[in-house]
Structures are given as C-alpha cells and as structure tokens.
PDB file of N, CA and C in Angstrom:
ATOM      1  N   MET A   1       0.749  -1.070  -0.015  1.00  0.00           N
ATOM      2  CA  MET A   1      -0.259   0.151   0.193  1.00  0.00           C
ATOM      3  C   MET A   1       0.519   1.117  -0.089  1.00  0.00           C
ATOM      4  N   VAL A   2       0.584   2.476  -0.953  1.00  0.00           N
ATOM      5  CA  VAL A   2       1.184   3.076  -0.618  1.00  0.00           C
ATOM      6  C   VAL A   2       0.396   3.971  -0.570  1.00  0.00           C
ATOM      7  N   LEU A   3       0.863   5.529   0.568  1.00  0.00           N
ATOM      8  CA  LEU A   3      -0.215   6.229   0.738  1.00  0.00           C
ATOM      9  C   LEU A   3       0.002   7.764   0.275  1.00  0.00           C
ATOM     10  N   GLU A   4      -0.335   9.171   0.251  1.00  0.00           N
ATOM     11  CA  GLU A   4       0.126  10.382   0.086  1.00  0.00           C
ATOM     12  C   GLU A   4      -0.575  10.923   1.394  1.00  0.00           C
ATOM     13  N   THR A   5       0.389  11.861   1.523  1.00  0.00           N
ATOM     14  CA  THR A   5       0.083  13.321   2.148  1.00  0.00           C
ATOM     15  C   THR A   5      -0.555  14.267   1.771  1.00  0.00           C
ATOM     16  N   GLY A   6      -1.168  14.795   2.751  1.00  0.00           N
ATOM     17  CA  GLY A   6      -1.525  16.478   1.988  1.00  0.00           C
ATOM     18  C   GLY A   6      -2.271  16.810   2.526  1.00  0.00           C
ATOM     19  N   ASP A   7      -3.973  18.072   3.399  1.00  0.00           N
ATOM     20  CA  ASP A   7      -4.797  16.895   3.559  1.00  0.00           C
ATOM     21  C   ASP A   7      -5.173  16.425   4.434  1.00  0.00           C
ATOM     22  N   ASP A   8      -5.051  15.681   3.491  1.00  0.00           N
ATOM     23  CA  ASP A   8      -5.531  13.926   4.013  1.00  0.00           C
ATOM     24  C   ASP A   8      -5.243  12.866   3.982  1.00  0.00           C
ATOM     25  N   LEU A   9      -4.937  11.816   4.043  1.00  0.00           N
ATOM     26  CA  LEU A   9      -4.412  10.906   3.989  1.00  0.00           C
ATOM     27  C   LEU A   9      -4.554  10.274   3.268  1.00  0.00           C
ATOM     28  N   GLY A  10      -4.078   9.855   1.961  1.00  0.00           N
ATOM     29  CA  GLY A  10      -4.865   9.077   1.244  1.00  0.00           C
ATOM     30  C   GLY A  10      -4.205   8.128   0.008  1.00  0.00           C
ATOM     31  N   GLU A  11      -5.413   6.962  -0.196  1.00  0.00           N
ATOM     32  CA  GLU A  11      -3.931   5.841  -0.640  1.00  0.00           C
ATOM     33  C   GLU A  11      -3.918   5.527  -2.462  1.00  0.00           C
ATOM     34  N   VAL A  12      -2.624   6.025  -2.622  1.00  0.00           N
ATOM     35  CA  VAL A  12      -2.678   6.054  -4.669  1.00  0.00           C
ATOM     36  C   VAL A  12      -1.630   4.258  -5.012  1.00  0.00           C
ATOM     37  N   THR A  13      -1.793   3.480  -4.201  1.00  0.00           N
ATOM     38  CA  THR A  13      -1.484   2.879  -5.418  1.00  0.00           C
ATOM     39  C   THR A  13      -1.484   2.729  -6.239  1.00  0.00           C
ATOM     40  N   GLU A  14      -2.597   2.531  -6.935  1.00  0.00           N
ATOM     41  CA  GLU A  14      -2.779   2.066  -8.080  1.00  0.00           C
ATOM     42  C   GLU A  14      -2.253   3.255  -8.758  1.00  0.00           C
ATOM     43  N   THR A  15      -1.840   4.457  -8.615  1.00  0.00           N
ATOM     44  CA  THR A  15      -1.417   5.791  -9.772  1.00  0.00           C
ATOM     45  C   THR A  15      -0.123   5.346  -9.898  1.00  0.00           C
ATOM     46  N   VAL A  16       1.279   5.053  -8.593  1.00  0.00           N
ATOM     47  CA  VAL A  16       2.362   5.413  -8.554  1.00  0.00           C
ATOM     48  C   VAL A  16       3.397   3.670  -9.118  1.00  0.00           C
ATOM     49  N   ASP A  17       4.519   3.928  -9.459  1.00  0.00           N
ATOM     50  CA  ASP A  17       5.272   2.387  -9.865  1.00  0.00           C
ATOM     51  C   ASP A  17       6.002   2.157  -9.041  1.00  0.00           C
ATOM     52  N   TYR A  18       5.313   2.320  -8.001  1.00  0.00           N
ATOM     53  CA  TYR A  18       6.550   1.790  -6.448  1.00  0.00           C
ATOM     54  C   TYR A  18       5.906   0.040  -6.657  1.00  0.00           C
ATOM     55  N   TYR A  19       7.243  -0.596  -6.514  1.00  0.00           N
ATOM     56  CA  TYR A  19       6.775  -2.176  -6.282  1.00  0.00           C
ATOM     57  C   TYR A  19       5.450  -2.314  -5.386  1.00  0.00           C
ATOM     58  N   VAL A  20       4.663  -2.765  -5.661  1.00  0.00           N
ATOM     59  CA  VAL A  20       3.677  -3.155  -4.155  1.00  0.00           C
ATOM     60  C   VAL A  20       3.596  -4.575  -4.307  1.00  0.00           C
ATOM     61  N   GLN A  21       4.390  -5.445  -5.180  1.00  0.00           N
ATOM     62  CA  GLN A  21       3.446  -6.646  -4.937  1.00  0.00           C
ATOM     63  C   GLN A  21       4.127  -7.047  -4.105  1.00  0.00           C
ATOM     64  N   GLY A  22       4.937  -6.478  -2.847  1.00  0.00           N
ATOM     65  CA  GLY A  22       5.779  -7.793  -2.112  1.00  0.00           C
ATOM     66  C   GLY A  22       6.438  -7.137  -0.773  1.00  0.00           C
ATOM     67  N   ALA A  23       7.177  -7.057   0.067  1.00  0.00           N
ATOM     68  CA  ALA A  23       7.789  -5.803   1.055  1.00  0.00           C
ATOM     69  C   ALA A  23       8.659  -5.591   0.237  1.00  0.00           C
ATOM     70  N   THR A  24       8.639  -3.786   0.774  1.00  0.00           N
ATOM     71  CA  THR A  24      10.160  -3.526   0.574  1.00  0.00           C
ATOM     72  C   THR A  24      11.374  -3.348   1.795  1.00  0.00           C
ATOM     73  N   ILE A  25      12.265  -3.689   0.914  1.00  0.00           N
ATOM     74  CA  ILE A  25      14.085  -4.160   2.022  1.00  0.00           C
ATOM     75  C   ILE A  25      14.377  -2.569   1.885  1.00  0.00           C
ATOM     76  N   ALA A  26      14.689  -1.697   1.357  1.00  0.00           N
ATOM     77  CA  ALA A  26      15.087  -0.128   1.631  1.00  0.00           C
ATOM     78  C   ALA A  26      14.848   0.398   0.463  1.00  0.00           C
ATOM     79  N   ALA A  27      14.624   1.666   0.331  1.00  0.00           N
ATOM     80  CA  ALA A  27      14.724   2.727   0.165  1.00  0.00           C
ATOM     81  C   ALA A  27      15.059   3.777  -0.063  1.00  0.00           C
ATOM     82  N   GLY A  28      15.701   4.500  -0.561  1.00  0.00           N
ATOM     83  CA  GLY A  28      16.216   6.623  -0.768  1.00  0.00           C
ATOM     84  C   GLY A  28      15.837   6.928  -1.250  1.00  0.00           C
ATOM     85  N   ASN A  29      15.992   8.387  -0.684  1.00  0.00           N
ATOM     86  CA  ASN A  29      15.073   9.470  -1.480  1.00  0.00           C
ATOM     87  C   ASN A  29      15.966   9.891  -2.661  1.00  0.00           C
ATOM     88  N   LEU A  30      16.605  10.622  -2.702  1.00  0.00           N
ATOM     89  CA  LEU A  30      18.378  10.736  -3.141  1.00  0.00           C
ATOM     90  C   LEU A  30      17.645  10.366  -5.600  1.00  0.00           C
ATOM     91  N   PHE A  31      18.167   9.745  -4.972  1.00  0.00           N
ATOM     92  CA  PHE A  31      17.719   8.477  -5.794  1.00  0.00           C
ATOM     93  C   PHE A  31      15.908   8.484  -6.256  1.00  0.00           C
ATOM     94  N   GLY A  32      15.765   8.379  -5.449  1.00  0.00           N
ATOM     95  CA  GLY A  32      13.689   7.856  -5.183  1.00  0.00           C
ATOM     96  C   GLY A  32      14.611   6.176  -5.675  1.00  0.00           C
ATOM     97  N   ILE A  33      15.256   5.837  -5.185  1.00  0.00           N
ATOM     98  CA  ILE A  33      15.184   4.058  -4.997  1.00  0.00           C
ATOM     99  C   ILE A  33      14.632   3.006  -4.153  1.00  0.00           C
ATOM    100  N   GLN A  34      14.130   2.185  -4.930  1.00  0.00           N
ATOM    101  CA  GLN A  34      12.874   1.118  -4.039  1.00  0.00           C
ATOM    102  C   GLN A  34      13.705  -0.195  -4.195  1.00  0.00           C
ATOM    103  N   VAL A  35      14.422  -0.826  -3.158  1.00  0.00           N
ATOM    104  CA  VAL A  35      14.665  -2.087  -3.223  1.00  0.00           C
ATOM    105  C   VAL A  35      13.917  -3.327  -2.349  1.00  0.00           C
ATOM    106  N   TYR A  36      13.760  -4.033  -3.183  1.00  0.00           N
ATOM    107  CA  TYR A  36      13.161  -5.345  -2.530  1.00  0.00           C
ATOM    108  C   TYR A  36      13.340  -6.627  -3.567  1.00  0.00           C
ATOM    109  N   ALA A  37      12.433  -7.880  -3.023  1.00  0.00           N
ATOM    110  CA  ALA A  37      13.428  -8.883  -2.712  1.00  0.00           C
ATOM    111  C   ALA A  37      14.658  -9.384  -4.163  1.00  0.00           C
ATOM    112  N   MET A  38      13.415  -9.280  -5.304  1.00  0.00           N
ATOM    113  CA  MET A  38      14.237  -9.958  -6.700  1.00  0.00           C
ATOM    114  C   MET A  38      14.473  -7.975  -7.411  1.00  0.00           C
ATOM    115  N   GLY A  39      14.310  -7.183  -6.695  1.00  0.00           N
ATOM    116  CA  GLY A  39      15.232  -6.439  -7.730  1.00  0.00           C
ATOM    117  C   GLY A  39      15.239  -4.709  -6.906  1.00  0.00           C
ATOM    118  N   ALA A  40      15.507  -3.884  -8.114  1.00  0.00           N
ATOM    119  CA  ALA A  40      15.529  -2.761  -7.448  1.00  0.00           C
ATOM    120  C   ALA A  40      14.785  -1.435  -8.113  1.00  0.00           C
ATOM    121  N   ARG A  41      14.062  -0.777  -8.008  1.00  0.00           N
ATOM    122  CA  ARG A  41      13.086   0.524  -8.600  1.00  0.00           C
ATOM    123  C   ARG A  41      14.051   1.976  -9.173  1.00  0.00           C
ATOM    124  N   VAL A  42      14.506   2.530 -10.155  1.00  0.00           N
ATOM    125  CA  VAL A  42      14.696   3.917  -9.634  1.00  0.00           C
ATOM    126  C   VAL A  42      13.312   4.489  -9.993  1.00  0.00           C
ATOM    127  N   LEU A  43      13.084   5.385  -9.407  1.00  0.00           N
ATOM    128  CA  LEU A  43      11.958   6.871  -9.325  1.00  0.00           C
ATOM    129  C   LEU A  43      12.052   7.755  -9.449  1.00  0.00           C
ATOM    130  N   ASP A  44      11.366   8.860 -10.248  1.00  0.00           N
ATOM    131  CA  ASP A  44      11.555   9.812 -10.349  1.00  0.00           C
ATOM    132  C   ASP A  44       9.769  10.483  -9.922  1.00  0.00           C
ATOM    133  N   GLY A  45       9.629  10.946  -8.513  1.00  0.00           N
ATOM    134  CA  GLY A  45       8.469  11.192  -8.101  1.00  0.00           C
ATOM    135  C   GLY A  45       7.690  10.131  -8.078  1.00  0.00           C
ATOM    136  N   SER A  46       6.429   9.410  -8.875  1.00  0.00           N
ATOM    137  CA  SER A  46       6.267   8.149  -8.231  1.00  0.00           C
ATOM    138  C   SER A  46       6.558   8.031  -9.844  1.00  0.00           C
ATOM    139  N   PHE A  47       7.526   7.994 -10.839  1.00  0.00           N
ATOM    140  CA  PHE A  47       7.296   7.565 -11.798  1.00  0.00           C
ATOM    141  C   PHE A  47       8.883   6.463 -11.851  1.00  0.00           C
ATOM    142  N   MET A  48       8.292   5.781 -12.561  1.00  0.00           N
ATOM    143  CA  MET A  48       9.622   5.123 -12.230  1.00  0.00           C
ATOM    144  C   MET A  48      10.460   4.978 -13.860  1.00  0.00           C
ATOM    145  N   THR A  49      11.313   5.816 -13.263  1.00  0.00           N
ATOM    146  CA  THR A  49      12.729   5.195 -14.185  1.00  0.00           C
ATOM    147  C   THR A  49      13.230   4.240 -15.474  1.00  0.00           C
ATOM    148  N   GLN A  50      13.909   2.979 -13.755  1.00  0.00           N
ATOM    149  CA  GLN A  50      14.549   2.105 -14.359  1.00  0.00           C
ATOM    150  C   GLN A  50      14.163   1.287 -13.528  1.00  0.00           C
ATOM    151  N   GLU A  51      14.062  -0.293 -14.020  1.00  0.00           N
ATOM    152  CA  GLU A  51      14.065  -1.715 -13.333  1.00  0.00           C
ATOM    153  C   GLU A  51      15.445  -2.260 -13.317  1.00  0.00           C
ATOM    154  N   LEU A  52      15.652  -2.720 -12.233  1.00  0.00           N
ATOM    155  CA  LEU A  52      16.980  -3.372 -12.080  1.00  0.00           C
ATOM    156  C   LEU A  52      16.007  -5.074 -11.042  1.00  0.00           C
ATOM    157  N   ASN A  53      16.526  -6.021 -11.891  1.00  0.00           N
ATOM    158  CA  ASN A  53      16.260  -7.396 -11.409  1.00  0.00           C
ATOM    159  C   ASN A  53      17.818  -7.293 -11.453  1.00  0.00           C
ATOM    160  N   PHE A  54      17.952  -8.777 -10.369  1.00  0.00           N
ATOM    161  CA  PHE A  54      18.789  -9.343  -9.799  1.00  0.00           C
ATOM    162  C   PHE A  54      19.072 -10.514  -9.804  1.00  0.00           C
ATOM    163  N   THR A  55      20.129 -11.504 -11.043  1.00  0.00           N
ATOM    164  CA  THR A  55      20.116 -12.867 -11.625  1.00  0.00           C
ATOM    165  C   THR A  55      22.089 -13.599 -11.304  1.00  0.00           C
ATOM    166  N   ALA A  56      22.053 -14.326 -10.346  1.00  0.00           N
ATOM    167  CA  ALA A  56      23.167 -15.241 -10.326  1.00  0.00           C
ATOM    168  C   ALA A  56      23.386 -15.746 -11.859  1.00  0.00           C
ATOM    169  N   HIS A  57      24.418 -14.691 -12.326  1.00  0.00           N
ATOM    170  CA  HIS A  57      25.301 -15.887 -13.896  1.00  0.00           C
ATOM    171  C   HIS A  57      25.876 -17.494 -13.101  1.00  0.00           C
ATOM    172  N   SER A  58      25.093 -18.565 -14.128  1.00  0.00           N
ATOM    173  CA  SER A  58      25.186 -19.462 -13.717  1.00  0.00           C
ATOM    174  C   SER A  58      26.903 -20.017 -13.810  1.00  0.00           C
ATOM    175  N   SER A  59      28.315 -20.301 -13.713  1.00  0.00           N
ATOM    176  CA  SER A  59      29.652 -20.863 -13.927  1.00  0.00           C
ATOM    177  C   SER A  59      29.287 -22.153 -14.660  1.00  0.00           C
ATOM    178  N   GLU A  60      28.396 -22.807 -14.652  1.00  0.00           N
ATOM    179  CA  GLU A  60      28.442 -24.314 -14.420  1.00  0.00           C
ATOM    180  C   GLU A  60      28.059 -24.819 -15.859  1.00  0.00           C
ATOM    181  N   SER A  61      27.821 -23.982 -16.959  1.00  0.00           N
ATOM    182  CA  SER A  61      28.051 -24.344 -18.206  1.00  0.00           C
ATOM    183  C   SER A  61      28.449 -23.211 -18.963  1.00  0.00           C
ATOM    184  N   SER A  62      28.816 -23.021 -19.727  1.00  0.00           N
ATOM    185  CA  SER A  62      29.577 -22.548 -20.773  1.00  0.00           C
ATOM    186  C   SER A  62      28.262 -21.202 -21.435  1.00  0.00           C
ATOM    187  N   SER A  63      27.291 -21.490 -21.257  1.00  0.00           N
ATOM    188  CA  SER A  63      26.030 -20.969 -21.671  1.00  0.00           C
ATOM    189  C   SER A  63      25.351 -19.401 -21.154  1.00  0.00           C
ATOM    190  N   SER A  64      25.140 -18.316 -21.382  1.00  0.00           N
ATOM    191  CA  SER A  64      24.852 -16.734 -20.723  1.00  0.00           C
ATOM    192  C   SER A  64      23.477 -17.501 -19.817  1.00  0.00           C
ATOM    193  N   SER A  65      23.623 -18.448 -19.053  1.00  0.00           N
ATOM    194  CA  SER A  65      21.709 -18.425 -18.798  1.00  0.00           C
ATOM    195  C   SER A  65      22.374 -17.911 -17.381  1.00  0.00           C
ATOM    196  N   SER A  66      20.851 -17.688 -16.280  1.00  0.00           N
ATOM    197  CA  SER A  66      20.890 -16.668 -15.270  1.00  0.00           C
ATOM    198  C   SER A  66      19.886 -17.352 -14.566  1.00  0.00           C
ATOM    199  N   GLU A  67      19.321 -17.178 -12.957  1.00  0.00           N
ATOM    200  CA  GLU A  67      18.656 -16.916 -12.143  1.00  0.00           C
ATOM    201  C   GLU A  67      17.931 -16.307 -11.255  1.00  0.00           C
ATOM    202  N   PRO A  68      17.103 -16.133 -11.347  1.00  0.00           N
ATOM    203  CA  PRO A  68      17.065 -15.515 -10.325  1.00  0.00           C
ATOM    204  C   PRO A  68      17.390 -15.283  -8.651  1.00  0.00           C
ATOM    205  N   LEU A  69      17.707 -13.712  -8.280  1.00  0.00           N
ATOM    206  CA  LEU A  69      18.623 -13.386  -7.073  1.00  0.00           C
ATOM    207  C   LEU A  69      18.425 -13.032  -6.072  1.00  0.00           C
ATOM    208  N   GLY A  70      18.162 -13.537  -4.906  1.00  0.00           N
ATOM    209  CA  GLY A  70      16.887 -13.118  -3.846  1.00  0.00           C
ATOM    210  C   GLY A  70      18.194 -11.743  -3.309  1.00  0.00           C
ATOM    211  N   VAL A  71      17.136 -10.863  -2.369  1.00  0.00           N
ATOM    212  CA  VAL A  71      18.825  -9.850  -1.716  1.00  0.00           C
ATOM    213  C   VAL A  71      18.194  -9.578   0.335  1.00  0.00           C
ATOM    214  N   ALA A  72      18.489 -10.579   0.177  1.00  0.00           N
ATOM    215  CA  ALA A  72      18.974 -10.705   1.896  1.00  0.00           C
ATOM    216  C   ALA A  72      18.571  -9.547   2.719  1.00  0.00           C
ATOM    217  N   SER A  73      19.525  -7.991   2.197  1.00  0.00           N
ATOM    218  CA  SER A  73      19.485  -7.317   3.135  1.00  0.00           C
ATOM    219  C   SER A  73      20.269  -5.820   1.915  1.00  0.00           C
ATOM    220  N   ALA A  74      19.947  -4.832   2.188  1.00  0.00           N
ATOM    221  CA  ALA A  74      20.367  -3.641   1.503  1.00  0.00           C
ATOM    222  C   ALA A  74      20.765  -2.474   2.381  1.00  0.00           C
ATOM    223  N   SER A  75      21.897  -1.283   2.223  1.00  0.00           N
ATOM    224  CA  SER A  75      21.634  -0.664   2.875  1.00  0.00           C
ATOM    225  C   SER A  75      22.203   1.372   1.929  1.00  0.00           C
ATOM    226  N   VAL A  76      21.837   1.675   2.411  1.00  0.00           N
ATOM    227  CA  VAL A  76      21.201   2.501   1.234  1.00  0.00           C
ATOM    228  C   VAL A  76      21.973   4.219   1.830  1.00  0.00           C
ATOM    229  N   ALA A  77      23.281   4.933   1.181  1.00  0.00           N
ATOM    230  CA  ALA A  77      23.728   6.327   1.527  1.00  0.00           C
ATOM    231  C   ALA A  77      23.633   6.707  -0.118  1.00  0.00           C
ATOM    232  N   ASP A  78      22.940   7.162  -0.259  1.00  0.00           N
ATOM    233  CA  ASP A  78      22.516   7.838  -1.589  1.00  0.00           C
ATOM    234  C   ASP A  78      24.128   8.512  -1.450  1.00  0.00           C
ATOM    235  N   PRO A  79      25.054   8.590  -2.975  1.00  0.00           N
ATOM    236  CA  PRO A  79      24.357   7.644  -3.977  1.00  0.00           C
ATOM    237  C   PRO A  79      24.427   6.005  -4.383  1.00  0.00           C
ATOM    238  N   TYR A  80      24.835   5.457  -2.620  1.00  0.00           N
ATOM    239  CA  TYR A  80      25.197   4.057  -2.836  1.00  0.00           C
ATOM    240  C   TYR A  80      24.479   3.205  -1.843  1.00  0.00           C
ATOM    241  N   VAL A  81      24.242   1.922  -2.862  1.00  0.00           N
ATOM    242  CA  VAL A  81      23.036   0.873  -2.422  1.00  0.00           C
ATOM    243  C   VAL A  81      24.452  -0.094  -2.655  1.00  0.00           C
ATOM    244  N   LEU A  82      24.226  -0.550  -1.069  1.00  0.00           N
ATOM    245  CA  LEU A  82      25.627  -2.002  -0.670  1.00  0.00           C
ATOM    246  C   LEU A  82      24.032  -2.787  -0.468  1.00  0.00           C
ATOM    247  N   LEU A  83      24.211  -4.416  -1.590  1.00  0.00           N
ATOM    248  CA  LEU A  83      22.675  -5.205  -1.181  1.00  0.00           C
ATOM    249  C   LEU A  83      23.884  -6.051  -0.970  1.00  0.00           C
ATOM    250  N   LYS A  84      23.501  -7.449   0.143  1.00  0.00           N
ATOM    251  CA  LYS A  84      23.960  -8.558   0.799  1.00  0.00           C
ATOM    252  C   LYS A  84      22.420  -9.550  -0.072  1.00  0.00           C
ATOM    253  N   MET A  85      23.257 -10.591  -0.607  1.00  0.00           N
ATOM    254  CA  MET A  85      22.262 -11.256  -1.929  1.00  0.00           C
ATOM    255  C   MET A  85      22.063 -12.602  -1.027  1.00  0.00           C
ATOM    256  N   VAL A  86      21.358 -13.595  -1.227  1.00  0.00           N
ATOM    257  CA  VAL A  86      20.743 -14.870  -0.430  1.00  0.00           C
ATOM    258  C   VAL A  86      22.059 -15.359  -0.460  1.00  0.00           C
ATOM    259  N   ASP A  87      22.745 -15.474  -0.932  1.00  0.00           N
ATOM    260  CA  ASP A  87      23.273 -16.424  -1.356  1.00  0.00           C
ATOM    261  C   ASP A  87      24.831 -16.241  -1.013  1.00  0.00           C
ATOM    262  N   GLY A  88      24.638 -14.984  -0.348  1.00  0.00           N
ATOM    263  CA  GLY A  88      26.265 -14.996   0.477  1.00  0.00           C
ATOM    264  C   GLY A  88      27.047 -13.162  -0.335  1.00  0.00           C
ATOM    265  N   THR A  89      26.841 -13.159  -1.459  1.00  0.00           N
ATOM    266  CA  THR A  89      27.543 -12.269  -2.184  1.00  0.00           C
ATOM    267  C   THR A  89      27.206 -10.540  -2.045  1.00  0.00           C
ATOM    268  N   ILE A  90      27.913  -9.926  -2.259  1.00  0.00           N
ATOM    269  CA  ILE A  90      27.431  -8.773  -2.748  1.00  0.00           C
ATOM    270  C   ILE A  90      27.572  -7.726  -3.451  1.00  0.00           C
ATOM    271  N   GLN A  91      26.605  -7.081  -4.185  1.00  0.00           N
ATOM    272  CA  GLN A  91      26.366  -5.927  -5.440  1.00  0.00           C
ATOM    273  C   GLN A  91      26.850  -4.230  -4.874  1.00  0.00           C
ATOM    274  N   LEU A  92      27.410  -3.347  -5.157  1.00  0.00           N
ATOM    275  CA  LEU A  92      27.382  -2.134  -4.803  1.00  0.00           C
ATOM    276  C   LEU A  92      26.438  -1.106  -6.233  1.00  0.00           C
ATOM    277  N   LEU A  93      25.507  -0.629  -6.394  1.00  0.00           N
ATOM    278  CA  LEU A  93      25.530  -0.202  -6.903  1.00  0.00           C
ATOM    279  C   LEU A  93      25.451   1.687  -6.590  1.00  0.00           C
ATOM    280  N   VAL A  94      25.563   2.054  -7.875  1.00  0.00           N
ATOM    281  CA  VAL A  94      25.912   3.690  -7.549  1.00  0.00           C
ATOM    282  C   VAL A  94      25.008   4.687  -8.729  1.00  0.00           C
ATOM    283  N   GLY A  95      24.421   5.466  -7.973  1.00  0.00           N
ATOM    284  CA  GLY A  95      23.537   6.199  -9.005  1.00  0.00           C
ATOM    285  C   GLY A  95      24.244   7.296  -9.676  1.00  0.00           C
ATOM    286  N   VAL A  96      24.044   7.651 -10.712  1.00  0.00           N
ATOM    287  CA  VAL A  96      24.463   9.055 -11.535  1.00  0.00           C
ATOM    288  C   VAL A  96      23.374   9.567 -11.426  1.00  0.00           C
ATOM    289  N   ARG A  97      23.337  11.217 -10.802  1.00  0.00           N
ATOM    290  CA  ARG A  97      22.802  11.793 -10.603  1.00  0.00           C
ATOM    291  C   ARG A  97      22.318  12.365 -11.664  1.00  0.00           C
ATOM    292  N   VAL A  98      22.663  13.000 -13.052  1.00  0.00           N
ATOM    293  CA  VAL A  98      22.647  13.522 -13.905  1.00  0.00           C
ATOM    294  C   VAL A  98      21.258  12.901 -14.863  1.00  0.00           C
ATOM    295  N   HIS A  99      21.601  11.531 -14.910  1.00  0.00           N
ATOM    296  CA  HIS A  99      20.454  10.791 -15.865  1.00  0.00           C
ATOM    297  C   HIS A  99      19.898   9.516 -14.707  1.00  0.00           C
ATOM    298  N   PHE A 100      20.061   9.875 -13.616  1.00  0.00           N
ATOM    299  CA  PHE A 100      18.797   8.878 -12.574  1.00  0.00           C
ATOM    300  C   PHE A 100      19.092   7.636 -12.716  1.00  0.00           C
ATOM    301  N   ILE A 101      20.558   7.116 -13.415  1.00  0.00           N
ATOM    302  CA  ILE A 101      20.785   5.537 -13.681  1.00  0.00           C
ATOM    303  C   ILE A 101      20.914   4.439 -12.539  1.00  0.00           C
ATOM    304  N   VAL A 102      20.835   4.198 -12.095  1.00  0.00           N
ATOM    305  CA  VAL A 102      22.103   3.210 -10.891  1.00  0.00           C
ATOM    306  C   VAL A 102      22.370   1.989 -12.440  1.00  0.00           C
ATOM    307  N   THR A 103      24.042   1.919 -12.249  1.00  0.00           N
ATOM    308  CA  THR A 103      24.788   0.555 -12.224  1.00  0.00           C
ATOM    309  C   THR A 103      25.399  -0.286 -11.931  1.00  0.00           C
ATOM    310  N   GLU A 104      25.105  -1.249 -11.425  1.00  0.00           N
ATOM    311  CA  GLU A 104      26.190  -1.917 -10.827  1.00  0.00           C
ATOM    312  C   GLU A 104      27.916  -2.069 -11.087  1.00  0.00           C
ATOM    313  N   VAL A 105      28.078  -2.056  -9.925  1.00  0.00           N
ATOM    314  CA  VAL A 105      29.654  -1.083 -10.055  1.00  0.00           C
ATOM    315  C   VAL A 105      30.673  -2.553  -8.893  1.00  0.00           C
ATOM    316  N   LEU A 106      30.138  -3.081  -8.249  1.00  0.00           N
ATOM    317  CA  LEU A 106      30.504  -4.315  -7.958  1.00  0.00           C
ATOM    318  C   LEU A 106      29.488  -5.585  -7.360  1.00  0.00           C
ATOM    319  N   ASN A 107      30.507  -6.653  -8.579  1.00  0.00           N
ATOM    320  CA  ASN A 107      29.452  -7.933  -7.801  1.00  0.00           C
ATOM    321  C   ASN A 107      30.588  -8.987  -7.089  1.00  0.00           C
ATOM    322  N   HIS A 108      30.514  -8.720  -6.079  1.00  0.00           N
ATOM    323  CA  HIS A 108      32.210  -9.768  -5.420  1.00  0.00           C
ATOM    324  C   HIS A 108      31.158 -10.857  -4.722  1.00  0.00           C
ATOM    325  N   GLY A 109      32.155 -12.175  -4.829  1.00  0.00           N
ATOM    326  CA  GLY A 109      31.663 -13.061  -4.092  1.00  0.00           C
ATOM    327  C   GLY A 109      32.048 -13.984  -3.119  1.00  0.00           C
TER     328      GLY A 109
END
C-alpha cells in the first residue's frame, strides 16, 4: 500500500510505479530507489525510470544462463546502495545523478 499525504491521508497504490507486490527492503530518497526481494526500481517522483532484476550467472555451463537471485538485506547511502544477496555475495550499485541511472559497479562473491 502506498499512501500520499496532504490535507488528508489517501491511498495512491494504483497510480504510482512503486513495487507493491511484496515488501520493500530499503529505500533512498535522492534517487528515489526502492529495493525489494528480487530487484530495485529507480523512481522520479512516483514514476519508474529504471528497473533492475537481480540474477546469478551460472558458471557451471558455458551458456549465458542466469537465475533469479534474491536480496537478503540492503543499505542505502545515496548515491550508493550496498546489497547482500541471499547466496552471501554482495553487490554495490551507484546512482548517476544527472541521468538517474543506477549501475552495478561491484559484484563480489
């Protein structure tokens, strides 16, 4: 559920691009980033500008297959987002203020 404040408190879940199908693990306000179990969304106000889906790349085969990888915890210190994944690896995301784009700069196992 997403609420909007004003003279009254009202639900705006249907009119925003926030991820509302599950829990939010962490959020930051400079880039409007929302981290949830399987990804993250970058928002400009209430509109999504970028969505990231986290995957683990399989090293057992030569194909470029990947499978979903969940976020166990996250820490936001704009413009940085440090993610601890459920498999114990960490990922560092950095937001670029000019473009409101988040890029992965570290993926360490």
